[in-house]
């Protein structure tokens, strides 16, 4: 009887542990295409806080990337990797820059919002939606079928969460949201430059969008001028590109200046190049991040 009681107790403990363990999504770039979204690159002076938010709270995975002196920790989610400039103090948060926020989708917002608040991070949903949008318990009814929520991550990185009830993964990349006074021009530039599908404008939407495999690029009109991303909490965004060398030559032929030319980085197993969009968004282009598991 004692053995049976002990077995039941251990089973109960295991079930409780499973219920309260963070959900961890498989972590890699799953989308396929000549150009897909690759990574966010954040400036930070507090990696412990970044891990508490992106790993302990949201369920990302920490992996080692690179070799030797170039080895670093990154955090991975389905379809997006998060890189860091550790010990690099950001000059400001993401709000006010051309990349206002990054977005994830989840099957159920309520437990996500509850965990964000329980772990000490601030919800900013009410401040992020129009005054006439109903907000209940920090979740906004953006439409009859769509619920959204907004939080401030470490060092004022703004993050949106979109509820997609049919989604199987506990969390994955959803969108990158740009703000600018020329938002339709931004939409056209990203469609032309990266081959994104320019989506027709929805009369009821506050923004316009492009589509790439695995991510939506949203562009909102900003009532005030925005600044570029370099040095801010979201320092740059990244696209993963097949045959990056040929792609950079194509950009140069179209008159787009490379801030950093096509460069192989053997210690990281990738090739990289940098450009800026006409509004100051710092953009890294990579080839090789698809291999990260």
Protein backbone atom coordinates (compact mmCIF):
# COMPACT_ATOMS: atom_id res chain seq x y z
CA UNK A 1 0.00 0.00 0.00
CA UNK A 2 2.85 2.37 0.81
CA UNK A 3 4.40 1.73 -2.59
CA UNK A 4 1.05 2.40 -4.30
CA UNK A 5 0.58 5.63 -2.29
CA UNK A 6 4.10 6.77 -3.13
CA UNK A 7 3.52 6.05 -6.83
CA UNK A 8 0.31 8.09 -6.80
CA UNK A 9 2.04 10.99 -5.04
CA UNK A 10 4.87 11.04 -7.58
CA UNK A 11 2.36 10.92 -10.42
CA UNK A 12 0.45 13.86 -8.95
CA UNK A 13 3.67 15.86 -8.56
CA UNK A 14 4.62 15.13 -12.17
CA UNK A 15 1.19 16.28 -13.39
CA UNK A 16 1.43 19.52 -11.39
CA UNK A 17 4.91 20.16 -12.75
CA UNK A 18 3.67 19.60 -16.29
CA UNK A 19 0.77 22.02 -15.81
CA UNK A 20 2.99 24.86 -14.57
CA UNK A 21 6.02 24.28 -16.80
CA UNK A 22 6.42 26.88 -19.57
CA UNK A 23 5.29 25.75 -23.02
CA UNK A 24 8.30 25.53 -25.29
CA UNK A 25 7.81 25.79 -29.03
CA UNK A 26 10.07 24.08 -31.53
CA UNK A 27 12.59 26.69 -32.51
CA UNK A 28 13.82 27.23 -36.02
CA UNK A 29 13.06 29.08 -39.24
CA UNK A 30 10.26 26.93 -40.65
CA UNK A 31 9.08 29.22 -43.44
CA UNK A 32 10.46 28.55 -46.90
CA UNK A 33 11.08 30.95 -49.76
CA UNK A 34 13.83 32.96 -51.44
CA UNK A 35 13.38 35.63 -48.73
CA UNK A 36 11.93 34.94 -45.27
CA UNK A 37 12.14 36.77 -41.98
CA UNK A 38 15.19 35.71 -39.99
CA UNK A 39 15.81 37.57 -36.75
CA UNK A 40 15.34 40.50 -34.40
CA UNK A 41 18.56 41.97 -32.98
CA UNK A 42 18.24 43.74 -29.63
CA UNK A 43 20.56 45.99 -27.64
CA UNK A 44 20.60 45.11 -23.96
CA UNK A 45 22.45 45.51 -20.69
CA UNK A 46 20.35 42.89 -18.89
CA UNK A 47 20.40 39.41 -20.39
CA UNK A 48 18.80 38.00 -17.24
CA UNK A 49 15.71 40.16 -17.84
CA UNK A 50 15.66 39.24 -21.54
CA UNK A 51 15.67 35.54 -20.65
CA UNK A 52 12.99 36.05 -18.01
CA UNK A 53 10.74 37.67 -20.62
CA UNK A 54 11.44 35.71 -23.81
CA UNK A 55 12.23 32.31 -22.27
CA UNK A 56 10.61 31.97 -18.83
CA UNK A 57 7.52 33.99 -19.74
CA UNK A 58 6.97 33.41 -23.46
CA UNK A 59 8.52 29.97 -23.89
CA UNK A 60 11.44 30.65 -26.22
CA UNK A 61 14.52 28.42 -26.22
CA UNK A 62 18.12 29.46 -25.47
CA UNK A 63 20.70 27.98 -27.85
CA UNK A 64 24.42 28.50 -28.37
CA UNK A 65 25.27 29.97 -31.76
CA UNK A 66 28.71 30.19 -33.35
CA UNK A 67 32.12 28.97 -32.27
CA UNK A 68 35.16 30.27 -30.40
CA UNK A 69 35.20 33.92 -29.45
CA UNK A 70 32.12 34.52 -31.60
CA UNK A 71 29.92 32.05 -29.74
CA UNK A 72 26.83 33.69 -28.26
CA UNK A 73 23.47 32.87 -26.73
CA UNK A 74 20.39 33.50 -28.82
CA UNK A 75 16.70 32.89 -28.13
CA UNK A 76 14.64 31.02 -30.68
CA UNK A 77 10.96 30.79 -31.59
CA UNK A 78 9.31 29.23 -34.63
CA UNK A 79 10.24 31.42 -37.64
CA UNK A 80 12.34 33.95 -35.72
CA UNK A 81 15.64 34.04 -33.83
CA UNK A 82 16.44 36.78 -31.34
CA UNK A 83 20.04 37.99 -31.21
CA UNK A 84 21.50 40.41 -28.68
CA UNK A 85 24.24 43.00 -28.39
CA UNK A 86 24.95 42.26 -24.71
CA UNK A 87 26.27 45.12 -22.59
CA UNK A 88 25.09 47.62 -25.21
CA UNK A 89 22.74 50.12 -23.57
CA UNK A 90 19.93 51.08 -25.95
CA UNK A 91 19.42 54.80 -26.58
CA UNK A 92 15.66 54.31 -26.23
CA UNK A 93 12.83 51.82 -26.59
CA UNK A 94 11.26 50.65 -29.82
CA UNK A 95 8.33 53.11 -29.65
CA UNK A 96 9.18 56.17 -31.72
CA UNK A 97 11.34 54.25 -34.19
CA UNK A 98 10.46 52.91 -37.61
CA UNK A 99 10.07 49.44 -36.03
CA UNK A 100 7.49 50.26 -33.38
CA UNK A 101 6.99 46.68 -32.25
CA UNK A 102 7.36 42.98 -32.98
CA UNK A 103 4.46 40.54 -32.94
CA UNK A 104 3.85 36.94 -31.92
CA UNK A 105 0.72 34.82 -32.30
CA UNK A 106 -0.63 32.46 -29.62
CA UNK A 107 -3.68 30.16 -29.47
CA UNK A 108 -5.03 31.69 -26.24
CA UNK A 109 -4.19 35.16 -24.95
CA UNK A 110 -5.50 34.87 -21.39
CA UNK A 111 -2.77 32.61 -19.94
CA UNK A 112 -0.07 34.54 -21.82
CA UNK A 113 -1.22 37.89 -20.46
CA UNK A 114 -1.56 36.44 -16.96
CA UNK A 115 1.99 35.11 -17.05
CA UNK A 116 3.41 38.38 -18.40
CA UNK A 117 1.85 40.24 -15.48
CA UNK A 118 2.77 37.59 -12.91
CA UNK A 119 6.41 37.86 -14.00
CA UNK A 120 6.41 41.61 -13.44
CA UNK A 121 6.19 42.96 -16.98
CA UNK A 122 3.88 45.81 -17.96
CA UNK A 123 0.83 45.45 -20.19
CA UNK A 124 0.20 48.48 -22.43
CA UNK A 125 -2.81 47.29 -24.42
CA UNK A 126 -5.08 50.21 -23.54
CA UNK A 127 -2.41 52.72 -24.58
CA UNK A 128 -1.79 50.90 -27.87
CA UNK A 129 -5.28 50.70 -29.36
CA UNK A 130 -7.84 53.30 -30.39
CA UNK A 131 -9.98 54.82 -27.65
CA UNK A 132 -13.15 53.16 -29.00
CA UNK A 133 -11.68 49.62 -28.85
CA UNK A 134 -12.96 47.60 -25.91
CA UNK A 135 -10.19 46.37 -23.58
CA UNK A 136 -10.94 43.77 -20.91
CA UNK A 137 -8.22 42.45 -18.59
CA UNK A 138 -5.55 43.93 -20.89
CA UNK A 139 -6.93 42.15 -23.97
CA UNK A 140 -8.42 44.21 -26.80
CA UNK A 141 -11.21 43.10 -29.09
CA UNK A 142 -9.57 44.38 -32.29
CA UNK A 143 -12.40 42.91 -34.35
CA UNK A 144 -15.27 40.46 -33.79
CA UNK A 145 -12.83 37.62 -34.55
CA UNK A 146 -9.45 38.95 -33.41
CA UNK A 147 -8.13 39.64 -29.93
CA UNK A 148 -4.78 41.34 -29.33
CA UNK A 149 -2.63 42.47 -26.40
CA UNK A 150 0.51 44.56 -25.99
CA UNK A 151 3.34 44.36 -23.45
CA UNK A 152 6.60 46.17 -22.75
CA UNK A 153 9.52 43.78 -22.61
CA UNK A 154 12.93 44.56 -21.07
CA UNK A 155 14.40 47.92 -22.04
CA UNK A 156 11.06 49.01 -23.53
CA UNK A 157 10.79 46.61 -26.44
CA UNK A 158 7.12 46.76 -27.42
CA UNK A 159 5.60 43.36 -28.20
CA UNK A 160 2.17 42.55 -29.59
CA UNK A 161 0.36 39.24 -29.16
CA UNK A 162 -2.35 38.16 -31.60
CA UNK A 163 -4.76 35.35 -30.72
CA UNK A 164 -4.97 32.70 -33.45
CA UNK A 165 -7.16 29.98 -31.97
CA UNK A 166 -6.39 27.43 -34.72
CA UNK A 167 -2.62 27.69 -34.19
CA UNK A 168 -0.92 24.49 -33.02
CA UNK A 169 2.36 26.00 -31.78
CA UNK A 170 2.14 27.66 -28.33
CA UNK A 171 3.81 30.78 -29.78
CA UNK A 172 5.38 31.80 -33.08
CA UNK A 173 6.39 34.83 -35.13
CA UNK A 174 3.39 36.76 -36.45
CA UNK A 175 4.46 40.20 -37.71
CA UNK A 176 6.84 43.13 -37.63
CA UNK A 177 5.09 46.49 -37.34
CA UNK A 178 6.63 49.59 -38.91
CA UNK A 179 5.52 53.16 -38.21
CA UNK A 180 6.21 56.08 -40.51
CA UNK A 181 4.72 59.22 -42.01
CA UNK A 182 5.05 57.60 -45.46
CA UNK A 183 3.64 54.19 -44.57
CA UNK A 184 2.30 53.34 -48.04
CA UNK A 185 5.68 54.20 -49.55
CA UNK A 186 7.30 51.93 -46.95
CA UNK A 187 4.93 49.13 -47.92
CA UNK A 188 5.85 49.53 -51.58
CA UNK A 189 9.60 49.64 -50.84
CA UNK A 190 9.59 46.38 -48.87
CA UNK A 191 7.47 44.68 -51.50
CA UNK A 192 9.85 45.74 -54.28
CA UNK A 193 13.11 45.19 -52.38
CA UNK A 194 12.38 41.84 -50.75
CA UNK A 195 9.77 40.44 -53.11
CA UNK A 196 7.01 40.56 -50.50
CA UNK A 197 3.41 40.28 -51.64
CA UNK A 198 1.78 43.71 -51.41
CA UNK A 199 -1.64 43.11 -49.87
CA UNK A 200 -4.57 45.25 -51.00
CA UNK A 201 -5.56 47.93 -48.48
CA UNK A 202 -8.43 47.05 -46.16
CA UNK A 203 -10.70 50.10 -45.76
CA UNK A 204 -11.36 49.18 -42.12
CA UNK A 205 -7.70 48.74 -41.17
CA UNK A 206 -5.41 51.36 -39.63
CA UNK A 207 -2.42 50.03 -41.55
CA UNK A 208 -1.32 48.42 -44.82
CA UNK A 209 0.60 45.16 -45.13
CA UNK A 210 3.04 43.03 -47.11
CA UNK A 211 3.33 39.26 -46.83
CA UNK A 212 6.41 37.04 -46.80
CA UNK A 213 6.42 33.32 -45.94
CA UNK A 214 5.85 33.05 -42.19
CA UNK A 215 5.49 36.78 -41.44
CA UNK A 216 3.36 39.83 -42.16
CA UNK A 217 4.99 43.25 -42.46
CA UNK A 218 2.55 45.92 -41.24
CA UNK A 219 2.96 49.66 -41.91
CA UNK A 220 1.06 52.23 -39.85
CA UNK A 221 0.91 55.96 -40.53
CA UNK A 222 2.71 57.81 -37.73
CA UNK A 223 1.29 61.19 -36.67
CA UNK A 224 4.80 62.25 -35.60
CA UNK A 225 8.23 61.72 -37.17
CA UNK A 226 9.99 58.44 -36.38
CA UNK A 227 13.72 57.75 -36.10
CA UNK A 228 15.82 54.89 -37.41
CA UNK A 229 16.48 51.81 -35.34
CA UNK A 230 20.28 51.84 -34.94
CA UNK A 231 21.19 52.05 -31.26
CA UNK A 232 17.61 51.62 -30.01
CA UNK A 233 16.19 48.61 -28.15
CA UNK A 234 15.43 46.90 -31.47
CA UNK A 235 18.70 47.74 -33.19
CA UNK A 236 17.94 46.00 -36.46
CA UNK A 237 15.72 43.48 -38.16
CA UNK A 238 16.91 40.60 -40.30
CA UNK A 239 15.90 38.75 -43.45
CA UNK A 240 17.23 35.29 -44.33
CA UNK A 241 17.96 35.08 -48.05
CA UNK A 242 18.85 32.26 -50.41
CA UNK A 243 21.90 33.12 -52.55
CA UNK A 244 22.62 36.27 -50.60
CA UNK A 245 25.64 37.23 -52.73
CA UNK A 246 23.53 37.38 -55.89
CA UNK A 247 20.81 39.24 -53.99
CA UNK A 248 23.22 41.96 -52.82
CA UNK A 249 24.49 42.44 -56.38
CA UNK A 250 20.88 42.89 -57.49
CA UNK A 251 20.32 45.53 -54.79
CA UNK A 252 23.43 47.44 -55.84
CA UNK A 253 22.30 47.34 -59.47
CA UNK A 254 19.03 48.92 -58.33
CA UNK A 255 20.93 51.74 -56.62
CA UNK A 256 20.61 50.52 -53.02
CA UNK A 257 23.78 51.20 -51.04
CA UNK A 258 25.20 48.40 -48.91
CA UNK A 259 26.24 49.58 -45.44
CA UNK A 260 28.22 46.36 -45.19
CA UNK A 261 28.98 44.32 -48.31
CA UNK A 262 28.44 40.60 -48.64
CA UNK A 263 30.71 39.01 -46.02
CA UNK A 264 31.22 35.40 -45.00
CA UNK A 265 31.49 34.81 -41.23
CA UNK A 266 32.98 31.30 -40.84
CA UNK A 267 32.80 31.34 -37.02
CA UNK A 268 29.03 31.72 -37.27
CA UNK A 269 28.54 29.58 -40.35
CA UNK A 270 26.68 32.35 -42.16
CA UNK A 271 27.10 35.16 -44.66
CA UNK A 272 25.80 38.67 -43.92
CA UNK A 273 25.24 42.10 -45.47
CA UNK A 274 23.60 45.29 -44.21
CA UNK A 275 21.44 48.02 -45.74
CA UNK A 276 19.10 50.70 -44.42
CA UNK A 277 15.66 51.42 -45.76
CA UNK A 278 15.00 55.04 -46.85
CA UNK A 279 13.55 55.85 -43.40
CA UNK A 280 16.49 54.62 -41.34
CA UNK A 281 15.55 51.05 -40.45
CA UNK A 282 18.75 49.05 -40.00
CA UNK A 283 18.43 45.76 -41.90
CA UNK A 284 20.72 42.74 -41.76
CA UNK A 285 20.51 40.16 -44.51
CA UNK A 286 21.79 36.66 -43.74
CA UNK A 287 22.29 33.29 -45.38
CA UNK A 288 22.69 30.29 -43.11
CA UNK A 289 20.32 30.92 -40.19
CA UNK A 290 17.93 28.30 -41.55
CA UNK A 291 20.37 25.70 -40.16
CA UNK A 292 19.81 26.86 -36.55
CA UNK A 293 17.71 24.32 -34.62
